[in-house]
Amino acid sequence: PNKQYYLASCGDDCKVKFWDTRNVTEPVKTLEEHS
C-alpha cells in the first residue's frame, strides 16, 4: 500500500514472493515458511 512498484504473490510451490514490477527478472525476496 505504500511502495507503488512492490507486489506480493503466492502459490502452489509453497512460496511467497515479493516483486519490483520495474524489474521482474528476479523476486526481491522469497518466503519459504509454508509446507
PDB file of all heavy atoms in Angstrom:
ATOM      1  N   PRO A   1       0.801  -1.228   0.000  1.00  0.00           N
ATOM      2  CA  PRO A   1       0.000   0.000   0.000  1.00  0.00           C
ATOM      3  C   PRO A   1       0.833   1.278   0.000  1.00  0.00           C
ATOM      4  O   PRO A   1       0.320   2.345  -0.327  1.00  0.00           O
ATOM      5  CB  PRO A   1      -0.816  -0.110   1.294  1.00  0.00           C
ATOM      6  CG  PRO A   1       0.018  -0.983   2.186  1.00  0.00           C
ATOM      7  CD  PRO A   1       0.695  -1.951   1.283  1.00  0.00           C
ATOM      8  N   ASN A   2       2.126   1.167   0.357  1.00  0.00           N
ATOM      9  CA  ASN A   2       2.966   2.361   0.484  1.00  0.00           C
ATOM     10  C   ASN A   2       4.090   2.462  -0.552  1.00  0.00           C
ATOM     11  O   ASN A   2       4.636   3.539  -0.752  1.00  0.00           O
ATOM     12  CB  ASN A   2       3.600   2.417   1.879  1.00  0.00           C
ATOM     13  CG  ASN A   2       2.562   2.503   2.981  1.00  0.00           C
ATOM     14  OD1 ASN A   2       1.486   3.064   2.783  1.00  0.00           O
ATOM     15  ND2 ASN A   2       2.863   1.935   4.129  1.00  0.00           N
ATOM     16  N   LYS A   3       4.443   1.344  -1.189  1.00  0.00           N
ATOM     17  CA  LYS A   3       5.511   1.355  -2.194  1.00  0.00           C
ATOM     18  C   LYS A   3       4.901   0.940  -3.526  1.00  0.00           C
ATOM     19  O   LYS A   3       4.526  -0.205  -3.723  1.00  0.00           O
ATOM     20  CB  LYS A   3       6.643   0.411  -1.785  1.00  0.00           C
ATOM     21  CG  LYS A   3       7.342   0.844  -0.506  1.00  0.00           C
ATOM     22  CD  LYS A   3       8.536  -0.051  -0.179  1.00  0.00           C
ATOM     23  CE  LYS A   3       9.717   0.270  -1.069  1.00  0.00           C
ATOM     24  NZ  LYS A   3      10.932  -0.482  -0.652  1.00  0.00           N
ATOM     25  N   GLN A   4       4.837   1.888  -4.467  1.00  0.00           N
ATOM     26  CA  GLN A   4       3.987   1.721  -5.632  1.00  0.00           C
ATOM     27  C   GLN A   4       4.398   0.611  -6.602  1.00  0.00           C
ATOM     28  O   GLN A   4       3.569   0.114  -7.355  1.00  0.00           O
ATOM     29  CB  GLN A   4       3.879   3.048  -6.387  1.00  0.00           C
ATOM     30  CG  GLN A   4       5.193   3.595  -6.898  1.00  0.00           C
ATOM     31  CD  GLN A   4       5.012   4.897  -7.656  1.00  0.00           C
ATOM     32  OE1 GLN A   4       3.980   5.108  -8.275  1.00  0.00           O
ATOM     33  NE2 GLN A   4       5.992   5.778  -7.590  1.00  0.00           N
ATOM     34  N   TYR A   5       5.654   0.192  -6.583  1.00  0.00           N
ATOM     35  CA  TYR A   5       6.076  -0.833  -7.541  1.00  0.00           C
ATOM     36  C   TYR A   5       6.186  -2.226  -6.920  1.00  0.00           C
ATOM     37  O   TYR A   5       6.614  -3.158  -7.583  1.00  0.00           O
ATOM     38  CB  TYR A   5       7.411  -0.442  -8.172  1.00  0.00           C
ATOM     39  CG  TYR A   5       7.331   0.842  -8.967  1.00  0.00           C
ATOM     40  CD1 TYR A   5       7.878   2.028  -8.488  1.00  0.00           C
ATOM     41  CD2 TYR A   5       6.671   0.869 -10.200  1.00  0.00           C
ATOM     42  CE1 TYR A   5       7.784   3.210  -9.219  1.00  0.00           C
ATOM     43  CE2 TYR A   5       6.575   2.046 -10.935  1.00  0.00           C
ATOM     44  CZ  TYR A   5       7.133   3.215 -10.437  1.00  0.00           C
ATOM     45  OH  TYR A   5       7.027   4.371 -11.160  1.00  0.00           O
ATOM     46  N   TYR A   6       5.818  -2.361  -5.664  1.00  0.00           N
ATOM     47  CA  TYR A   6       6.026  -3.639  -4.975  1.00  0.00           C
ATOM     48  C   TYR A   6       4.741  -4.476  -4.921  1.00  0.00           C
ATOM     49  O   TYR A   6       3.680  -3.996  -4.538  1.00  0.00           O
ATOM     50  CB  TYR A   6       6.570  -3.397  -3.571  1.00  0.00           C
ATOM     51  CG  TYR A   6       8.078  -3.216  -3.574  1.00  0.00           C
ATOM     52  CD1 TYR A   6       8.668  -2.141  -4.230  1.00  0.00           C
ATOM     53  CD2 TYR A   6       8.913  -4.136  -2.951  1.00  0.00           C
ATOM     54  CE1 TYR A   6      10.040  -1.976  -4.266  1.00  0.00           C
ATOM     55  CE2 TYR A   6      10.296  -3.986  -2.969  1.00  0.00           C
ATOM     56  CZ  TYR A   6      10.856  -2.902  -3.630  1.00  0.00           C
ATOM     57  OH  TYR A   6      12.217  -2.764  -3.672  1.00  0.00           O
ATOM     58  N   LEU A   7       4.908  -5.745  -5.297  1.00  0.00           N
ATOM     59  CA  LEU A   7       3.790  -6.677  -5.426  1.00  0.00           C
ATOM     60  C   LEU A   7       4.179  -8.007  -4.792  1.00  0.00           C
ATOM     61  O   LEU A   7       5.306  -8.475  -4.961  1.00  0.00           O
ATOM     62  CB  LEU A   7       3.490  -6.873  -6.922  1.00  0.00           C
ATOM     63  CG  LEU A   7       2.495  -7.949  -7.344  1.00  0.00           C
ATOM     64  CD1 LEU A   7       1.076  -7.535  -6.967  1.00  0.00           C
ATOM     65  CD2 LEU A   7       2.589  -8.188  -8.853  1.00  0.00           C
ATOM     66  N   ALA A   8       3.263  -8.598  -4.047  1.00  0.00           N
ATOM     67  CA  ALA A   8       3.498  -9.919  -3.437  1.00  0.00           C
ATOM     68  C   ALA A   8       2.647 -10.959  -4.166  1.00  0.00           C
ATOM     69  O   ALA A   8       1.526 -10.672  -4.583  1.00  0.00           O
ATOM     70  CB  ALA A   8       3.138  -9.899  -1.961  1.00  0.00           C
ATOM     71  N   SER A   9       3.191 -12.166  -4.311  1.00  0.00           N
ATOM     72  CA  SER A   9       2.449 -13.267  -4.924  1.00  0.00           C
ATOM     73  C   SER A   9       2.688 -14.538  -4.120  1.00  0.00           C
ATOM     74  O   SER A   9       3.697 -14.668  -3.419  1.00  0.00           O
ATOM     75  CB  SER A   9       2.887 -13.470  -6.379  1.00  0.00           C
ATOM     76  OG  SER A   9       4.250 -13.863  -6.444  1.00  0.00           O
ATOM     77  N   CYS A  10       1.769 -15.482  -4.229  1.00  0.00           N
ATOM     78  CA  CYS A  10       1.943 -16.763  -3.537  1.00  0.00           C
ATOM     79  C   CYS A  10       1.326 -17.857  -4.385  1.00  0.00           C
ATOM     80  O   CYS A  10       0.501 -17.585  -5.267  1.00  0.00           O
ATOM     81  CB  CYS A  10       1.322 -16.745  -2.152  1.00  0.00           C
ATOM     82  SG  CYS A  10      -0.471 -16.474  -2.145  1.00  0.00           S
ATOM     83  N   GLY A  11       1.727 -19.112  -4.142  1.00  0.00           N
ATOM     84  CA  GLY A  11       1.220 -20.170  -4.997  1.00  0.00           C
ATOM     85  C   GLY A  11       1.409 -21.572  -4.479  1.00  0.00           C
ATOM     86  O   GLY A  11       1.789 -21.795  -3.321  1.00  0.00           O
ATOM     87  N   ASP A  12       1.178 -22.516  -5.383  1.00  0.00           N
ATOM     88  CA  ASP A  12       1.202 -23.929  -5.029  1.00  0.00           C
ATOM     89  C   ASP A  12       2.617 -24.489  -4.872  1.00  0.00           C
ATOM     90  O   ASP A  12       2.783 -25.668  -4.546  1.00  0.00           O
ATOM     91  CB  ASP A  12       0.458 -24.746  -6.094  1.00  0.00           C
ATOM     92  CG  ASP A  12      -1.050 -24.576  -5.996  1.00  0.00           C
ATOM     93  OD1 ASP A  12      -1.499 -23.791  -5.134  1.00  0.00           O
ATOM     94  OD2 ASP A  12      -1.784 -25.205  -6.779  1.00  0.00           O
ATOM     95  N   ASP A  13       3.627 -23.667  -5.112  1.00  0.00           N
ATOM     96  CA  ASP A  13       5.010 -24.113  -4.867  1.00  0.00           C
ATOM     97  C   ASP A  13       5.434 -23.844  -3.418  1.00  0.00           C
ATOM     98  O   ASP A  13       6.609 -23.961  -3.081  1.00  0.00           O
ATOM     99  CB  ASP A  13       5.980 -23.438  -5.838  1.00  0.00           C
ATOM    100  CG  ASP A  13       5.959 -21.913  -5.759  1.00  0.00           C
ATOM    101  OD1 ASP A  13       5.182 -21.371  -4.935  1.00  0.00           O
ATOM    102  OD2 ASP A  13       6.702 -21.257  -6.517  1.00  0.00           O
ATOM    103  N   CYS A  14       4.454 -23.480  -2.568  1.00  0.00           N
ATOM    104  CA  CYS A  14       4.661 -23.237  -1.128  1.00  0.00           C
ATOM    105  C   CYS A  14       5.416 -21.935  -0.837  1.00  0.00           C
ATOM    106  O   CYS A  14       5.831 -21.719   0.309  1.00  0.00           O
ATOM    107  CB  CYS A  14       5.401 -24.399  -0.441  1.00  0.00           C
ATOM    108  SG  CYS A  14       4.789 -26.025  -0.869  1.00  0.00           S
ATOM    109  N   LYS A  15       5.580 -21.085  -1.832  1.00  0.00           N
ATOM    110  CA  LYS A  15       6.392 -19.880  -1.654  1.00  0.00           C
ATOM    111  C   LYS A  15       5.560 -18.603  -1.719  1.00  0.00           C
ATOM    112  O   LYS A  15       4.511 -18.550  -2.359  1.00  0.00           O
ATOM    113  CB  LYS A  15       7.491 -19.813  -2.726  1.00  0.00           C
ATOM    114  CG  LYS A  15       8.501 -20.943  -2.636  1.00  0.00           C
ATOM    115  CD  LYS A  15       9.507 -20.870  -3.760  1.00  0.00           C
ATOM    116  CE  LYS A  15      10.476 -22.045  -3.696  1.00  0.00           C
ATOM    117  NZ  LYS A  15      11.433 -22.031  -4.827  1.00  0.00           N
ATOM    118  N   VAL A  16       6.075 -17.575  -1.043  1.00  0.00           N
ATOM    119  CA  VAL A  16       5.560 -16.211  -1.163  1.00  0.00           C
ATOM    120  C   VAL A  16       6.697 -15.389  -1.742  1.00  0.00           C
ATOM    121  O   VAL A  16       7.822 -15.425  -1.228  1.00  0.00           O
ATOM    122  CB  VAL A  16       5.135 -15.634   0.207  1.00  0.00           C
ATOM    123  CG1 VAL A  16       4.596 -14.220   0.042  1.00  0.00           C
ATOM    124  CG2 VAL A  16       4.102 -16.525   0.868  1.00  0.00           C
ATOM    125  N   LYS A  17       6.424 -14.661  -2.824  1.00  0.00           N
ATOM    126  CA  LYS A  17       7.481 -13.883  -3.475  1.00  0.00           C
ATOM    127  C   LYS A  17       7.093 -12.408  -3.539  1.00  0.00           C
ATOM    128  O   LYS A  17       5.923 -12.068  -3.692  1.00  0.00           O
ATOM    129  CB  LYS A  17       7.758 -14.421  -4.883  1.00  0.00           C
ATOM    130  CG  LYS A  17       8.314 -15.841  -4.882  1.00  0.00           C
ATOM    131  CD  LYS A  17       8.702 -16.292  -6.276  1.00  0.00           C
ATOM    132  CE  LYS A  17       9.278 -17.694  -6.260  1.00  0.00           C
ATOM    133  NZ  LYS A  17       9.716 -18.121  -7.609  1.00  0.00           N
ATOM    134  N   PHE A  18       8.109 -11.567  -3.438  1.00  0.00           N
ATOM    135  CA  PHE A  18       7.918 -10.117  -3.485  1.00  0.00           C
ATOM    136  C   PHE A  18       8.654  -9.585  -4.710  1.00  0.00           C
ATOM    137  O   PHE A  18       9.832  -9.875  -4.905  1.00  0.00           O
ATOM    138  CB  PHE A  18       8.453  -9.477  -2.204  1.00  0.00           C
ATOM    139  CG  PHE A  18       7.752  -9.973  -0.964  1.00  0.00           C
ATOM    140  CD1 PHE A  18       8.217 -11.102  -0.299  1.00  0.00           C
ATOM    141  CD2 PHE A  18       6.618  -9.337  -0.484  1.00  0.00           C
ATOM    142  CE1 PHE A  18       7.558 -11.585   0.826  1.00  0.00           C
ATOM    143  CE2 PHE A  18       5.954  -9.810   0.642  1.00  0.00           C
ATOM    144  CZ  PHE A  18       6.428 -10.935   1.299  1.00  0.00           C
ATOM    145  N   TRP A  19       7.927  -8.808  -5.515  1.00  0.00           N
ATOM    146  CA  TRP A  19       8.439  -8.344  -6.805  1.00  0.00           C
ATOM    147  C   TRP A  19       8.504  -6.824  -6.868  1.00  0.00           C
ATOM    148  O   TRP A  19       7.660  -6.140  -6.287  1.00  0.00           O
ATOM    149  CB  TRP A  19       7.541  -8.829  -7.938  1.00  0.00           C
ATOM    150  CG  TRP A  19       7.315 -10.295  -7.955  1.00  0.00           C
ATOM    151  CD1 TRP A  19       6.292 -10.983  -7.342  1.00  0.00           C
ATOM    152  CD2 TRP A  19       8.110 -11.286  -8.619  1.00  0.00           C
ATOM    153  NE1 TRP A  19       6.408 -12.325  -7.587  1.00  0.00           N
ATOM    154  CE2 TRP A  19       7.512 -12.551  -8.362  1.00  0.00           C
ATOM    155  CE3 TRP A  19       9.265 -11.220  -9.403  1.00  0.00           C
ATOM    156  CZ2 TRP A  19       8.031 -13.736  -8.873  1.00  0.00           C
ATOM    157  CZ3 TRP A  19       9.782 -12.405  -9.913  1.00  0.00           C
ATOM    158  CH2 TRP A  19       9.176 -13.647  -9.636  1.00  0.00           C
ATOM    159  N   ASP A  20       9.489  -6.317  -7.590  1.00  0.00           N
ATOM    160  CA  ASP A  20       9.523  -4.920  -8.007  1.00  0.00           C
ATOM    161  C   ASP A  20       9.124  -4.938  -9.477  1.00  0.00           C
ATOM    162  O   ASP A  20       9.853  -5.493 -10.314  1.00  0.00           O
ATOM    163  CB  ASP A  20      10.936  -4.344  -7.832  1.00  0.00           C
ATOM    164  CG  ASP A  20      11.022  -2.871  -8.186  1.00  0.00           C
ATOM    165  OD1 ASP A  20      10.190  -2.393  -8.989  1.00  0.00           O
ATOM    166  OD2 ASP A  20      11.930  -2.185  -7.686  1.00  0.00           O
ATOM    167  N   THR A  21       7.964  -4.383  -9.805  1.00  0.00           N
ATOM    168  CA  THR A  21       7.428  -4.525 -11.162  1.00  0.00           C
ATOM    169  C   THR A  21       8.237  -3.766 -12.218  1.00  0.00           C
ATOM    170  O   THR A  21       7.987  -3.913 -13.413  1.00  0.00           O
ATOM    171  CB  THR A  21       5.957  -4.068 -11.227  1.00  0.00           C
ATOM    172  OG1 THR A  21       5.857  -2.703 -10.794  1.00  0.00           O
ATOM    173  CG2 THR A  21       5.086  -4.940 -10.325  1.00  0.00           C
ATOM    174  N   ARG A  22       9.237  -2.978 -11.784  1.00  0.00           N
ATOM    175  CA  ARG A  22      10.115  -2.307 -12.755  1.00  0.00           C
ATOM    176  C   ARG A  22      11.194  -3.259 -13.263  1.00  0.00           C
ATOM    177  O   ARG A  22      11.802  -3.017 -14.302  1.00  0.00           O
ATOM    178  CB  ARG A  22      10.760  -1.080 -12.111  1.00  0.00           C
ATOM    179  CG  ARG A  22       9.774   0.017 -11.750  1.00  0.00           C
ATOM    180  CD  ARG A  22      10.395   1.044 -10.837  1.00  0.00           C
ATOM    181  NE  ARG A  22      10.786   0.464  -9.554  1.00  0.00           N
ATOM    182  CZ  ARG A  22      11.293   1.158  -8.539  1.00  0.00           C
ATOM    183  NH1 ARG A  22      11.476   2.475  -8.677  1.00  0.00           N
ATOM    184  NH2 ARG A  22      11.619   0.574  -7.409  1.00  0.00           N
ATOM    185  N   ASN A  23      11.455  -4.327 -12.501  1.00  0.00           N
ATOM    186  CA  ASN A  23      12.468  -5.305 -12.898  1.00  0.00           C
ATOM    187  C   ASN A  23      11.982  -6.682 -12.434  1.00  0.00           C
ATOM    188  O   ASN A  23      12.179  -7.063 -11.276  1.00  0.00           O
ATOM    189  CB  ASN A  23      13.824  -4.961 -12.276  1.00  0.00           C
ATOM    190  CG  ASN A  23      14.891  -5.971 -12.640  1.00  0.00           C
ATOM    191  OD1 ASN A  23      14.699  -6.802 -13.526  1.00  0.00           O
ATOM    192  ND2 ASN A  23      16.020  -5.916 -11.958  1.00  0.00           N
ATOM    193  N   VAL A  24      11.361  -7.413 -13.326  1.00  0.00           N
ATOM    194  CA  VAL A  24      10.672  -8.643 -12.925  1.00  0.00           C
ATOM    195  C   VAL A  24      11.477  -9.914 -13.205  1.00  0.00           C
ATOM    196  O   VAL A  24      10.944 -11.017 -13.185  1.00  0.00           O
ATOM    197  CB  VAL A  24       9.288  -8.731 -13.610  1.00  0.00           C
ATOM    198  CG1 VAL A  24       8.392  -7.606 -13.131  1.00  0.00           C
ATOM    199  CG2 VAL A  24       9.429  -8.713 -15.137  1.00  0.00           C
ATOM    200  N   THR A  25      12.777  -9.769 -13.452  1.00  0.00           N
ATOM    201  CA  THR A  25      13.590 -10.952 -13.758  1.00  0.00           C
ATOM    202  C   THR A  25      13.776 -11.846 -12.526  1.00  0.00           C
ATOM    203  O   THR A  25      13.834 -13.060 -12.641  1.00  0.00           O
ATOM    204  CB  THR A  25      14.972 -10.550 -14.301  1.00  0.00           C
ATOM    205  OG1 THR A  25      15.571  -9.602 -13.404  1.00  0.00           O
ATOM    206  CG2 THR A  25      14.847  -9.915 -15.679  1.00  0.00           C
ATOM    207  N   GLU A  26      13.874 -11.234 -11.350  1.00  0.00           N
ATOM    208  CA  GLU A  26      14.054 -11.985 -10.108  1.00  0.00           C
ATOM    209  C   GLU A  26      13.201 -11.364  -9.008  1.00  0.00           C
ATOM    210  O   GLU A  26      13.056 -10.135  -8.953  1.00  0.00           O
ATOM    211  CB  GLU A  26      15.522 -11.951  -9.656  1.00  0.00           C
ATOM    212  CG  GLU A  26      16.476 -12.766 -10.507  1.00  0.00           C
ATOM    213  CD  GLU A  26      16.309 -14.262 -10.322  1.00  0.00           C
ATOM    214  OE1 GLU A  26      15.864 -14.683  -9.230  1.00  0.00           O
ATOM    215  OE2 GLU A  26      16.602 -15.003 -11.274  1.00  0.00           O
ATOM    216  N   PRO A  27      12.663 -12.186  -8.085  1.00  0.00           N
ATOM    217  CA  PRO A  27      11.940 -11.593  -6.951  1.00  0.00           C
ATOM    218  C   PRO A  27      12.896 -10.850  -6.023  1.00  0.00           C
ATOM    219  O   PRO A  27      14.082 -11.205  -5.926  1.00  0.00           O
ATOM    220  CB  PRO A  27      11.320 -12.810  -6.248  1.00  0.00           C
ATOM    221  CG  PRO A  27      12.146 -13.980  -6.671  1.00  0.00           C
ATOM    222  CD  PRO A  27      12.655 -13.661  -8.045  1.00  0.00           C
ATOM    223  N   VAL A  28      12.393  -9.829  -5.369  1.00  0.00           N
ATOM    224  CA  VAL A  28      13.209  -9.067  -4.418  1.00  0.00           C
ATOM    225  C   VAL A  28      13.484  -9.907  -3.174  1.00  0.00           C
ATOM    226  O   VAL A  28      14.574  -9.906  -2.619  1.00  0.00           O
ATOM    227  CB  VAL A  28      12.480  -7.757  -4.021  1.00  0.00           C
ATOM    228  CG1 VAL A  28      13.324  -6.939  -3.050  1.00  0.00           C
ATOM    229  CG2 VAL A  28      12.162  -6.934  -5.250  1.00  0.00           C
ATOM    230  N   LYS A  29      12.451 -10.648  -2.741  1.00  0.00           N
ATOM    231  CA  LYS A  29      12.556 -11.534  -1.571  1.00  0.00           C
ATOM    232  C   LYS A  29      11.650 -12.735  -1.792  1.00  0.00           C
ATOM    233  O   LYS A  29      10.656 -12.656  -2.515  1.00  0.00           O
ATOM    234  CB  LYS A  29      12.104 -10.820  -0.288  1.00  0.00           C
ATOM    235  CG  LYS A  29      13.072  -9.776   0.246  1.00  0.00           C
ATOM    236  CD  LYS A  29      14.098 -10.423   1.168  1.00  0.00           C
ATOM    237  CE  LYS A  29      15.058  -9.382   1.724  1.00  0.00           C
ATOM    238  NZ  LYS A  29      16.051  -9.967   2.619  1.00  0.00           N
ATOM    239  N   THR A  30      11.997 -13.845  -1.133  1.00  0.00           N
ATOM    240  CA  THR A  30      11.163 -15.039  -1.181  1.00  0.00           C
ATOM    241  C   THR A  30      11.004 -15.601   0.228  1.00  0.00           C
ATOM    242  O   THR A  30      11.978 -15.715   0.970  1.00  0.00           O
ATOM    243  CB  THR A  30      11.776 -16.116  -2.093  1.00  0.00           C
ATOM    244  OG1 THR A  30      11.953 -15.580  -3.412  1.00  0.00           O
ATOM    245  CG2 THR A  30      10.882 -17.346  -2.171  1.00  0.00           C
ATOM    246  N   LEU A  31       9.769 -15.935   0.578  1.00  0.00           N
ATOM    247  CA  LEU A  31       9.482 -16.589   1.859  1.00  0.00           C
ATOM    248  C   LEU A  31       9.158 -18.054   1.598  1.00  0.00           C
ATOM    249  O   LEU A  31       8.350 -18.366   0.719  1.00  0.00           O
ATOM    250  CB  LEU A  31       8.262 -15.941   2.524  1.00  0.00           C
ATOM    251  CG  LEU A  31       8.469 -14.717   3.413  1.00  0.00           C
ATOM    252  CD1 LEU A  31       7.117 -14.222   3.893  1.00  0.00           C
ATOM    253  CD2 LEU A  31       9.342 -15.040   4.603  1.00  0.00           C
ATOM    254  N   GLU A  32       9.771 -18.941   2.364  1.00  0.00           N
ATOM    255  CA  GLU A  32       9.536 -20.377   2.175  1.00  0.00           C
ATOM    256  C   GLU A  32       9.197 -21.032   3.509  1.00  0.00           C
ATOM    257  O   GLU A  32       9.777 -22.042   3.882  1.00  0.00           O
ATOM    258  CB  GLU A  32      10.760 -21.032   1.545  1.00  0.00           C
ATOM    259  CG  GLU A  32      11.112 -20.458   0.182  1.00  0.00           C
ATOM    260  CD  GLU A  32      12.263 -21.175  -0.489  1.00  0.00           C
ATOM    261  OE1 GLU A  32      12.254 -22.425  -0.527  1.00  0.00           O
ATOM    262  OE2 GLU A  32      13.190 -20.498  -0.959  1.00  0.00           O
ATOM    263  N   GLU A  33       8.238 -20.463   4.217  1.00  0.00           N
ATOM    264  CA  GLU A  33       7.897 -20.945   5.558  1.00  0.00           C
ATOM    265  C   GLU A  33       6.758 -21.962   5.566  1.00  0.00           C
ATOM    266  O   GLU A  33       6.589 -22.692   6.527  1.00  0.00           O
ATOM    267  CB  GLU A  33       7.517 -19.755   6.457  1.00  0.00           C
ATOM    268  CG  GLU A  33       8.630 -18.728   6.630  1.00  0.00           C
ATOM    269  CD  GLU A  33       9.857 -19.294   7.321  1.00  0.00           C
ATOM    270  OE1 GLU A  33       9.714 -20.234   8.125  1.00  0.00           O
ATOM    271  OE2 GLU A  33      10.972 -18.815   7.039  1.00  0.00           O
ATOM    272  N   HIS A  34       5.962 -21.990   4.491  1.00  0.00           N
ATOM    273  CA  HIS A  34       4.831 -22.921   4.447  1.00  0.00           C
ATOM    274  C   HIS A  34       5.256 -24.255   3.839  1.00  0.00           C
ATOM    275  O   HIS A  34       6.196 -24.325   3.038  1.00  0.00           O
ATOM    276  CB  HIS A  34       3.680 -22.319   3.643  1.00  0.00           C
ATOM    277  CG  HIS A  34       2.935 -21.244   4.370  1.00  0.00           C
ATOM    278  ND1 HIS A  34       2.100 -21.502   5.441  1.00  0.00           N
ATOM    279  CD2 HIS A  34       2.900 -19.888   4.191  1.00  0.00           C
ATOM    280  CE1 HIS A  34       1.572 -20.369   5.876  1.00  0.00           C
ATOM    281  NE2 HIS A  34       2.047 -19.372   5.141  1.00  0.00           N
ATOM    282  N   SER A  35       4.534 -25.313   4.195  1.00  0.00           N
ATOM    283  CA  SER A  35       4.872 -26.654   3.708  1.00  0.00           C
ATOM    284  C   SER A  35       3.854 -27.167   2.684  1.00  0.00           C
ATOM    285  O   SER A  35       3.938 -28.312   2.247  1.00  0.00           O
ATOM    286  CB  SER A  35       4.957 -27.636   4.881  1.00  0.00           C
ATOM    287  OG  SER A  35       3.742 -27.661   5.599  1.00  0.00           O
TER     288      SER A  35
END
